[in-house]
């Protein structure tokens, strides 16, 4: 009795393409998040520093006006 062994390649139906459309969108969104987070953080820090500088300038102007006031008649000192 003869035994004939035949091997046939297995046809796997799973996709071997690692760069499918869903993967590209996922990688793109992750990449955008990684790049944009430090940019937005930097812009937020810069905006906060400008805001604090503006508030400080307003406080200085208000204090200078108070210091220039004449205590007796509550008017600004005239030179």
PDB file of N, CA and C in Angstrom:
ATOM      1  N   UNK A   1       0.828  -1.150   0.000  1.00  0.00           N
ATOM      2  CA  UNK A   1       0.000   0.000   0.000  1.00  0.00           C
ATOM      3  C   UNK A   1       0.891   1.237   0.000  1.00  0.00           C
ATOM      4  N   UNK A   2       0.584   2.085  -0.886  1.00  0.00           N
ATOM      5  CA  UNK A   2       1.367   3.296  -1.015  1.00  0.00           C
ATOM      6  C   UNK A   2       0.639   4.454  -0.334  1.00  0.00           C
ATOM      7  N   UNK A   3       1.416   5.260   0.340  1.00  0.00           N
ATOM      8  CA  UNK A   3       0.869   6.448   0.992  1.00  0.00           C
ATOM      9  C   UNK A   3       1.359   7.673   0.241  1.00  0.00           C
ATOM     10  N   UNK A   4       0.434   8.428  -0.210  1.00  0.00           N
ATOM     11  CA  UNK A   4       0.765   9.670  -0.891  1.00  0.00           C
ATOM     12  C   UNK A   4       0.405  10.844   0.030  1.00  0.00           C
ATOM     13  N   UNK A   5       1.407  11.590   0.394  1.00  0.00           N
ATOM     14  CA  UNK A   5       1.189  12.761   1.237  1.00  0.00           C
ATOM     15  C   UNK A   5       1.312  13.996   0.374  1.00  0.00           C
ATOM     16  N   UNK A   6       0.286  14.729   0.354  1.00  0.00           N
ATOM     17  CA  UNK A   6       0.287  15.977  -0.386  1.00  0.00           C
ATOM     18  C   UNK A   6       0.130  17.131   0.607  1.00  0.00           C
ATOM     19  N   UNK A   7       0.996  18.076   0.465  1.00  0.00           N
ATOM     20  CA  UNK A   7       0.860  19.260   1.321  1.00  0.00           C
ATOM     21  C   UNK A   7       0.359  20.405   0.468  1.00  0.00           C
ATOM     22  N   UNK A   8      -0.648  21.018   0.969  1.00  0.00           N
ATOM     23  CA  UNK A   8      -1.201  22.175   0.282  1.00  0.00           C
ATOM     24  C   UNK A   8      -0.990  23.403   1.166  1.00  0.00           C
ATOM     25  N   UNK A   9      -0.628  24.495   0.541  1.00  0.00           N
ATOM     26  CA  UNK A   9      -0.439  25.697   1.367  1.00  0.00           C
ATOM     27  C   UNK A   9      -1.769  26.128   1.979  1.00  0.00           C
ATOM     28  N   UNK A  10      -1.707  26.476   3.215  1.00  0.00           N
ATOM     29  CA  UNK A  10      -2.911  26.926   3.917  1.00  0.00           C
ATOM     30  C   UNK A  10      -3.195  28.360   3.501  1.00  0.00           C
ATOM     31  N   UNK A  11      -4.409  28.588   3.092  1.00  0.00           N
ATOM     32  CA  UNK A  11      -4.816  29.915   2.683  1.00  0.00           C
ATOM     33  C   UNK A  11      -5.497  30.572   3.870  1.00  0.00           C
ATOM     34  N   UNK A  12      -4.778  31.479   4.491  1.00  0.00           N
ATOM     35  CA  UNK A  12      -5.315  32.172   5.654  1.00  0.00           C
ATOM     36  C   UNK A  12      -6.053  33.407   5.164  1.00  0.00           C
ATOM     37  N   UNK A  13      -7.269  33.606   5.615  1.00  0.00           N
ATOM     38  CA  UNK A  13      -8.091  34.709   5.124  1.00  0.00           C
ATOM     39  C   UNK A  13      -7.816  36.023   5.854  1.00  0.00           C
ATOM     40  N   UNK A  14      -6.934  36.030   6.839  1.00  0.00           N
ATOM     41  CA  UNK A  14      -6.644  37.271   7.532  1.00  0.00           C
ATOM     42  C   UNK A  14      -5.770  38.155   6.663  1.00  0.00           C
ATOM     43  N   UNK A  15      -5.916  39.437   6.858  1.00  0.00           N
ATOM     44  CA  UNK A  15      -5.175  40.393   6.058  1.00  0.00           C
ATOM     45  C   UNK A  15      -3.728  40.451   6.520  1.00  0.00           C
ATOM     46  N   UNK A  16      -2.824  40.345   5.596  1.00  0.00           N
ATOM     47  CA  UNK A  16      -1.407  40.426   5.930  1.00  0.00           C
ATOM     48  C   UNK A  16      -0.896  41.845   5.761  1.00  0.00           C
ATOM     49  N   UNK A  17      -1.761  42.739   5.254  1.00  0.00           N
ATOM     50  CA  UNK A  17      -1.371  44.116   5.051  1.00  0.00           C
ATOM     51  C   UNK A  17      -1.511  44.861   6.372  1.00  0.00           C
ATOM     52  N   UNK A  18      -0.388  45.253   6.973  1.00  0.00           N
ATOM     53  CA  UNK A  18      -0.413  45.911   8.280  1.00  0.00           C
ATOM     54  C   UNK A  18      -0.854  47.364   8.170  1.00  0.00           C
ATOM     55  N   UNK A  19      -0.809  47.941   7.001  1.00  0.00           N
ATOM     56  CA  UNK A  19      -1.175  49.338   6.821  1.00  0.00           C
ATOM     57  C   UNK A  19      -2.570  49.471   6.241  1.00  0.00           C
ATOM     58  N   UNK A  20      -3.530  48.907   6.919  1.00  0.00           N
ATOM     59  CA  UNK A  20      -4.901  49.047   6.445  1.00  0.00           C
ATOM     60  C   UNK A  20      -5.388  50.468   6.729  1.00  0.00           C
ATOM     61  N   UNK A  21      -6.535  50.804   6.189  1.00  0.00           N
ATOM     62  CA  UNK A  21      -7.065  52.169   6.283  1.00  0.00           C
ATOM     63  C   UNK A  21      -7.301  52.578   7.733  1.00  0.00           C
ATOM     64  N   UNK A  22      -7.828  51.697   8.550  1.00  0.00           N
ATOM     65  CA  UNK A  22      -8.088  51.999   9.952  1.00  0.00           C
ATOM     66  C   UNK A  22      -6.807  52.239  10.727  1.00  0.00           C
ATOM     67  N   UNK A  23      -5.771  51.459  10.446  1.00  0.00           N
ATOM     68  CA  UNK A  23      -4.495  51.632  11.131  1.00  0.00           C
ATOM     69  C   UNK A  23      -3.870  52.975  10.802  1.00  0.00           C
ATOM     70  N   UNK A  24      -3.952  53.399   9.561  1.00  0.00           N
ATOM     71  CA  UNK A  24      -3.364  54.674   9.154  1.00  0.00           C
ATOM     72  C   UNK A  24      -4.073  55.822   9.857  1.00  0.00           C
ATOM     73  N   UNK A  25      -5.398  55.751   9.951  1.00  0.00           N
ATOM     74  CA  UNK A  25      -6.141  56.809  10.650  1.00  0.00           C
ATOM     75  C   UNK A  25      -5.787  56.838  12.132  1.00  0.00           C
ATOM     76  N   UNK A  26      -5.627  55.674  12.726  1.00  0.00           N
ATOM     77  CA  UNK A  26      -5.271  55.603  14.137  1.00  0.00           C
ATOM     78  C   UNK A  26      -3.892  56.197  14.371  1.00  0.00           C
ATOM     79  N   UNK A  27      -2.932  55.792  13.554  1.00  0.00           N
ATOM     80  CA  UNK A  27      -1.572  56.310  13.704  1.00  0.00           C
ATOM     81  C   UNK A  27      -1.518  57.809  13.441  1.00  0.00           C
ATOM     82  N   UNK A  28      -2.304  58.282  12.494  1.00  0.00           N
ATOM     83  CA  UNK A  28      -2.330  59.705  12.197  1.00  0.00           C
ATOM     84  C   UNK A  28      -2.894  60.493  13.374  1.00  0.00           C
ATOM     85  N   UNK A  29      -3.981  60.015  13.955  1.00  0.00           N
ATOM     86  CA  UNK A  29      -4.580  60.732  15.083  1.00  0.00           C
ATOM     87  C   UNK A  29      -3.675  60.689  16.309  1.00  0.00           C
ATOM     88  N   UNK A  30      -3.001  59.582  16.545  1.00  0.00           N
ATOM     89  CA  UNK A  30      -2.074  59.492  17.673  1.00  0.00           C
ATOM     90  C   UNK A  30      -0.889  60.428  17.435  1.00  0.00           C
ATOM     91  N   UNK A  31      -0.373  60.445  16.231  1.00  0.00           N
ATOM     92  CA  UNK A  31       0.741  61.331  15.903  1.00  0.00           C
ATOM     93  C   UNK A  31       0.356  62.789  16.049  1.00  0.00           C
ATOM     94  N   UNK A  32      -0.841  63.149  15.594  1.00  0.00           N
ATOM     95  CA  UNK A  32      -1.315  64.529  15.738  1.00  0.00           C
ATOM     96  C   UNK A  32      -1.429  64.903  17.206  1.00  0.00           C
ATOM     97  N   UNK A  33      -1.935  63.988  18.026  1.00  0.00           N
ATOM     98  CA  UNK A  33      -2.069  64.264  19.461  1.00  0.00           C
ATOM     99  C   UNK A  33      -0.709  64.457  20.111  1.00  0.00           C
ATOM    100  N   UNK A  34       0.229  63.615  19.762  1.00  0.00           N
ATOM    101  CA  UNK A  34       1.562  63.693  20.363  1.00  0.00           C
ATOM    102  C   UNK A  34       2.252  65.000  19.969  1.00  0.00           C
ATOM    103  N   UNK A  35       2.075  65.434  18.740  1.00  0.00           N
ATOM    104  CA  UNK A  35       2.723  66.655  18.273  1.00  0.00           C
ATOM    105  C   UNK A  35       1.980  67.900  18.776  1.00  0.00           C
ATOM    106  N   UNK A  36       0.657  67.864  18.794  1.00  0.00           N
ATOM    107  CA  UNK A  36      -0.103  69.066  19.127  1.00  0.00           C
ATOM    108  C   UNK A  36      -0.133  69.360  20.630  1.00  0.00           C
ATOM    109  N   UNK A  37      -0.027  68.360  21.481  1.00  0.00           N
ATOM    110  CA  UNK A  37      -0.094  68.598  22.926  1.00  0.00           C
ATOM    111  C   UNK A  37       0.987  69.564  23.407  1.00  0.00           C
ATOM    112  N   UNK A  38       2.267  69.348  23.080  1.00  0.00           N
ATOM    113  CA  UNK A  38       3.279  70.314  23.541  1.00  0.00           C
ATOM    114  C   UNK A  38       3.085  71.709  22.952  1.00  0.00           C
ATOM    115  N   UNK A  39       2.591  71.786  21.722  1.00  0.00           N
ATOM    116  CA  UNK A  39       2.362  73.092  21.101  1.00  0.00           C
ATOM    117  C   UNK A  39       1.277  73.852  21.855  1.00  0.00           C
ATOM    118  N   UNK A  40       0.154  73.182  22.141  1.00  0.00           N
ATOM    119  CA  UNK A  40      -0.925  73.829  22.886  1.00  0.00           C
ATOM    120  C   UNK A  40      -0.493  74.166  24.309  1.00  0.00           C
ATOM    121  N   UNK A  41       0.312  73.329  24.910  1.00  0.00           N
ATOM    122  CA  UNK A  41       0.817  73.604  26.252  1.00  0.00           C
ATOM    123  C   UNK A  41       1.696  74.847  26.240  1.00  0.00           C
ATOM    124  N   UNK A  42       2.572  74.954  25.269  1.00  0.00           N
ATOM    125  CA  UNK A  42       3.444  76.120  25.148  1.00  0.00           C
ATOM    126  C   UNK A  42       2.627  77.392  24.903  1.00  0.00           C
ATOM    127  N   UNK A  43       1.643  77.324  24.022  1.00  0.00           N
ATOM    128  CA  UNK A  43       0.794  78.486  23.761  1.00  0.00           C
ATOM    129  C   UNK A  43       0.018  78.894  25.006  1.00  0.00           C
ATOM    130  N   UNK A  44      -0.436  77.921  25.780  1.00  0.00           N
ATOM    131  CA  UNK A  44      -1.148  78.219  27.019  1.00  0.00           C
ATOM    132  C   UNK A  44      -0.262  78.910  28.040  1.00  0.00           C
ATOM    133  N   UNK A  45       0.970  78.462  28.164  1.00  0.00           N
ATOM    134  CA  UNK A  45       1.908  79.086  29.098  1.00  0.00           C
ATOM    135  C   UNK A  45       2.205  80.514  28.670  1.00  0.00           C
ATOM    136  N   UNK A  46       2.435  80.723  27.376  1.00  0.00           N
ATOM    137  CA  UNK A  46       2.716  82.070  26.869  1.00  0.00           C
ATOM    138  C   UNK A  46       1.521  82.989  27.096  1.00  0.00           C
ATOM    139  N   UNK A  47       0.319  82.501  26.814  1.00  0.00           N
ATOM    140  CA  UNK A  47      -0.884  83.319  27.005  1.00  0.00           C
ATOM    141  C   UNK A  47      -1.076  83.660  28.484  1.00  0.00           C
ATOM    142  N   UNK A  48      -0.819  82.720  29.372  1.00  0.00           N
ATOM    143  CA  UNK A  48      -0.973  82.979  30.807  1.00  0.00           C
ATOM    144  C   UNK A  48       0.032  84.023  31.275  1.00  0.00           C
ATOM    145  N   UNK A  49       1.268  83.928  30.794  1.00  0.00           N
ATOM    146  CA  UNK A  49       2.272  84.921  31.185  1.00  0.00           C
ATOM    147  C   UNK A  49       1.885  86.317  30.705  1.00  0.00           C
ATOM    148  N   UNK A  50       1.341  86.418  29.490  1.00  0.00           N
ATOM    149  CA  UNK A  50       0.903  87.720  28.987  1.00  0.00           C
ATOM    150  C   UNK A  50      -0.274  88.244  29.800  1.00  0.00           C
ATOM    151  N   UNK A  51      -1.178  87.380  30.180  1.00  0.00           N
ATOM    152  CA  UNK A  51      -2.316  87.768  31.004  1.00  0.00           C
ATOM    153  C   UNK A  51      -1.840  88.294  32.357  1.00  0.00           C
ATOM    154  N   UNK A  52      -0.914  87.568  32.998  1.00  0.00           N
ATOM    155  CA  UNK A  52      -0.411  87.998  34.299  1.00  0.00           C
ATOM    156  C   UNK A  52       0.332  89.326  34.191  1.00  0.00           C
ATOM    157  N   UNK A  53       1.066  89.536  33.097  1.00  0.00           N
ATOM    158  CA  UNK A  53       1.774  90.805  32.912  1.00  0.00           C
ATOM    159  C   UNK A  53       0.784  91.953  32.761  1.00  0.00           C
ATOM    160  N   UNK A  54      -0.315  91.725  32.030  1.00  0.00           N
ATOM    161  CA  UNK A  54      -1.331  92.767  31.852  1.00  0.00           C
ATOM    162  C   UNK A  54      -2.005  93.095  33.182  1.00  0.00           C
ATOM    163  N   UNK A  55      -2.312  92.077  33.978  1.00  0.00           N
ATOM    164  CA  UNK A  55      -2.924  92.307  35.286  1.00  0.00           C
ATOM    165  C   UNK A  55      -1.966  93.076  36.191  1.00  0.00           C
ATOM    166  N   UNK A  56      -0.691  92.729  36.157  1.00  0.00           N
ATOM    167  CA  UNK A  56       0.295  93.425  36.969  1.00  0.00           C
ATOM    168  C   UNK A  56       0.409  94.895  36.565  1.00  0.00           C
ATOM    169  N   UNK A  57       0.392  95.157  35.255  1.00  0.00           N
ATOM    170  CA  UNK A  57       0.438  96.549  34.800  1.00  0.00           C
ATOM    171  C   UNK A  57      -0.776  97.329  35.290  1.00  0.00           C
ATOM    172  N   UNK A  58      -1.964  96.717  35.255  1.00  0.00           N
ATOM    173  CA  UNK A  58      -3.166  97.393  35.744  1.00  0.00           C
ATOM    174  C   UNK A  58      -3.064  97.679  37.241  1.00  0.00           C
ATOM    175  N   UNK A  59      -2.531  96.740  37.992  1.00  0.00           N
ATOM    176  CA  UNK A  59      -2.376  96.942  39.428  1.00  0.00           C
ATOM    177  C   UNK A  59      -1.380  98.071  39.719  1.00  0.00           C
ATOM    178  N   UNK A  60      -0.312  98.131  38.938  1.00  0.00           N
ATOM    179  CA  UNK A  60       0.678  99.185  39.129  1.00  0.00           C
ATOM    180  C   UNK A  60       0.068 100.554  38.847  1.00  0.00           C
ATOM    181  N   UNK A  61      -0.715 100.655  37.773  1.00  0.00           N
ATOM    182  CA  UNK A  61      -1.369 101.927  37.437  1.00  0.00           C
ATOM    183  C   UNK A  61      -2.312 102.341  38.564  1.00  0.00           C
ATOM    184  N   UNK A  62      -3.069 101.392  39.074  1.00  0.00           N
ATOM    185  CA  UNK A  62      -4.008 101.705  40.154  1.00  0.00           C
ATOM    186  C   UNK A  62      -3.264 102.159  41.413  1.00  0.00           C
ATOM    187  N   UNK A  63      -2.171 101.495  41.764  1.00  0.00           N
ATOM    188  CA  UNK A  63      -1.399 101.892  42.942  1.00  0.00           C
ATOM    189  C   UNK A  63      -0.765 103.262  42.757  1.00  0.00           C
ATOM    190  N   UNK A  64      -0.274 103.548  41.559  1.00  0.00           N
ATOM    191  CA  UNK A  64       0.316 104.862  41.315  1.00  0.00           C
ATOM    192  C   UNK A  64      -0.729 105.969  41.470  1.00  0.00           C
ATOM    193  N   UNK A  65      -1.951 105.710  41.008  1.00  0.00           N
ATOM    194  CA  UNK A  65      -3.021 106.701  41.181  1.00  0.00           C
ATOM    195  C   UNK A  65      -3.334 106.905  42.656  1.00  0.00           C
ATOM    196  N   UNK A  66      -3.346 105.816  43.413  1.00  0.00           N
ATOM    197  CA  UNK A  66      -3.626 105.923  44.849  1.00  0.00           C
ATOM    198  C   UNK A  66      -2.518 106.706  45.543  1.00  0.00           C
ATOM    199  N   UNK A  67      -1.264 106.425  45.163  1.00  0.00           N
ATOM    200  CA  UNK A  67      -0.148 107.118  45.793  1.00  0.00           C
ATOM    201  C   UNK A  67      -0.134 108.611  45.464  1.00  0.00           C
ATOM    202  N   UNK A  68      -0.626 108.955  44.288  1.00  0.00           N
ATOM    203  CA  UNK A  68      -0.635 110.360  43.884  1.00  0.00           C
ATOM    204  C   UNK A  68      -1.818 111.140  44.448  1.00  0.00           C
ATOM    205  N   UNK A  69      -2.753 110.431  45.047  1.00  0.00           N
ATOM    206  CA  UNK A  69      -3.923 111.129  45.594  1.00  0.00           C
ATOM    207  C   UNK A  69      -3.543 111.940  46.818  1.00  0.00           C
ATOM    208  N   UNK A  70      -4.140 113.069  46.918  1.00  0.00           N
ATOM    209  CA  UNK A  70      -3.959 113.875  48.113  1.00  0.00           C
ATOM    210  C   UNK A  70      -4.961 113.385  49.140  1.00  0.00           C
ATOM    211  N   UNK A  71      -4.478 113.009  50.299  1.00  0.00           N
ATOM    212  CA  UNK A  71      -5.328 112.405  51.317  1.00  0.00           C
ATOM    213  C   UNK A  71      -6.380 113.387  51.829  1.00  0.00           C
ATOM    214  N   UNK A  72      -6.073 114.653  51.912  1.00  0.00           N
ATOM    215  CA  UNK A  72      -7.003 115.624  52.502  1.00  0.00           C
ATOM    216  C   UNK A  72      -8.258 115.847  51.671  1.00  0.00           C
ATOM    217  N   UNK A  73      -8.115 116.036  50.376  1.00  0.00           N
ATOM    218  CA  UNK A  73      -9.312 116.343  49.591  1.00  0.00           C
ATOM    219  C   UNK A  73      -9.601 115.312  48.509  1.00  0.00           C
ATOM    220  N   UNK A  74      -8.953 114.157  48.543  1.00  0.00           N
ATOM    221  CA  UNK A  74      -9.211 113.055  47.618  1.00  0.00           C
ATOM    222  C   UNK A  74      -9.161 113.477  46.151  1.00  0.00           C
ATOM    223  N   UNK A  75      -8.236 114.282  45.811  1.00  0.00           N
ATOM    224  CA  UNK A  75      -8.026 114.642  44.415  1.00  0.00           C
ATOM    225  C   UNK A  75      -6.604 114.270  44.030  1.00  0.00           C
ATOM    226  N   UNK A  76      -6.393 114.230  42.760  1.00  0.00           N
ATOM    227  CA  UNK A  76      -5.052 113.918  42.278  1.00  0.00           C
ATOM    228  C   UNK A  76      -4.135 115.100  42.516  1.00  0.00           C
ATOM    229  N   UNK A  77      -2.918 114.781  42.886  1.00  0.00           N
ATOM    230  CA  UNK A  77      -1.917 115.821  43.139  1.00  0.00           C
ATOM    231  C   UNK A  77      -1.566 116.512  41.807  1.00  0.00           C
ATOM    232  N   UNK A  78      -1.579 117.812  41.842  1.00  0.00           N
ATOM    233  CA  UNK A  78      -1.224 118.559  40.651  1.00  0.00           C
ATOM    234  C   UNK A  78       0.122 119.228  40.861  1.00  0.00           C
ATOM    235  N   UNK A  79       0.992 119.072  39.895  1.00  0.00           N
ATOM    236  CA  UNK A  79       2.319 119.658  40.015  1.00  0.00           C
ATOM    237  C   UNK A  79       2.355 121.023  39.395  1.00  0.00           C
TER     238      UNK A  79
END
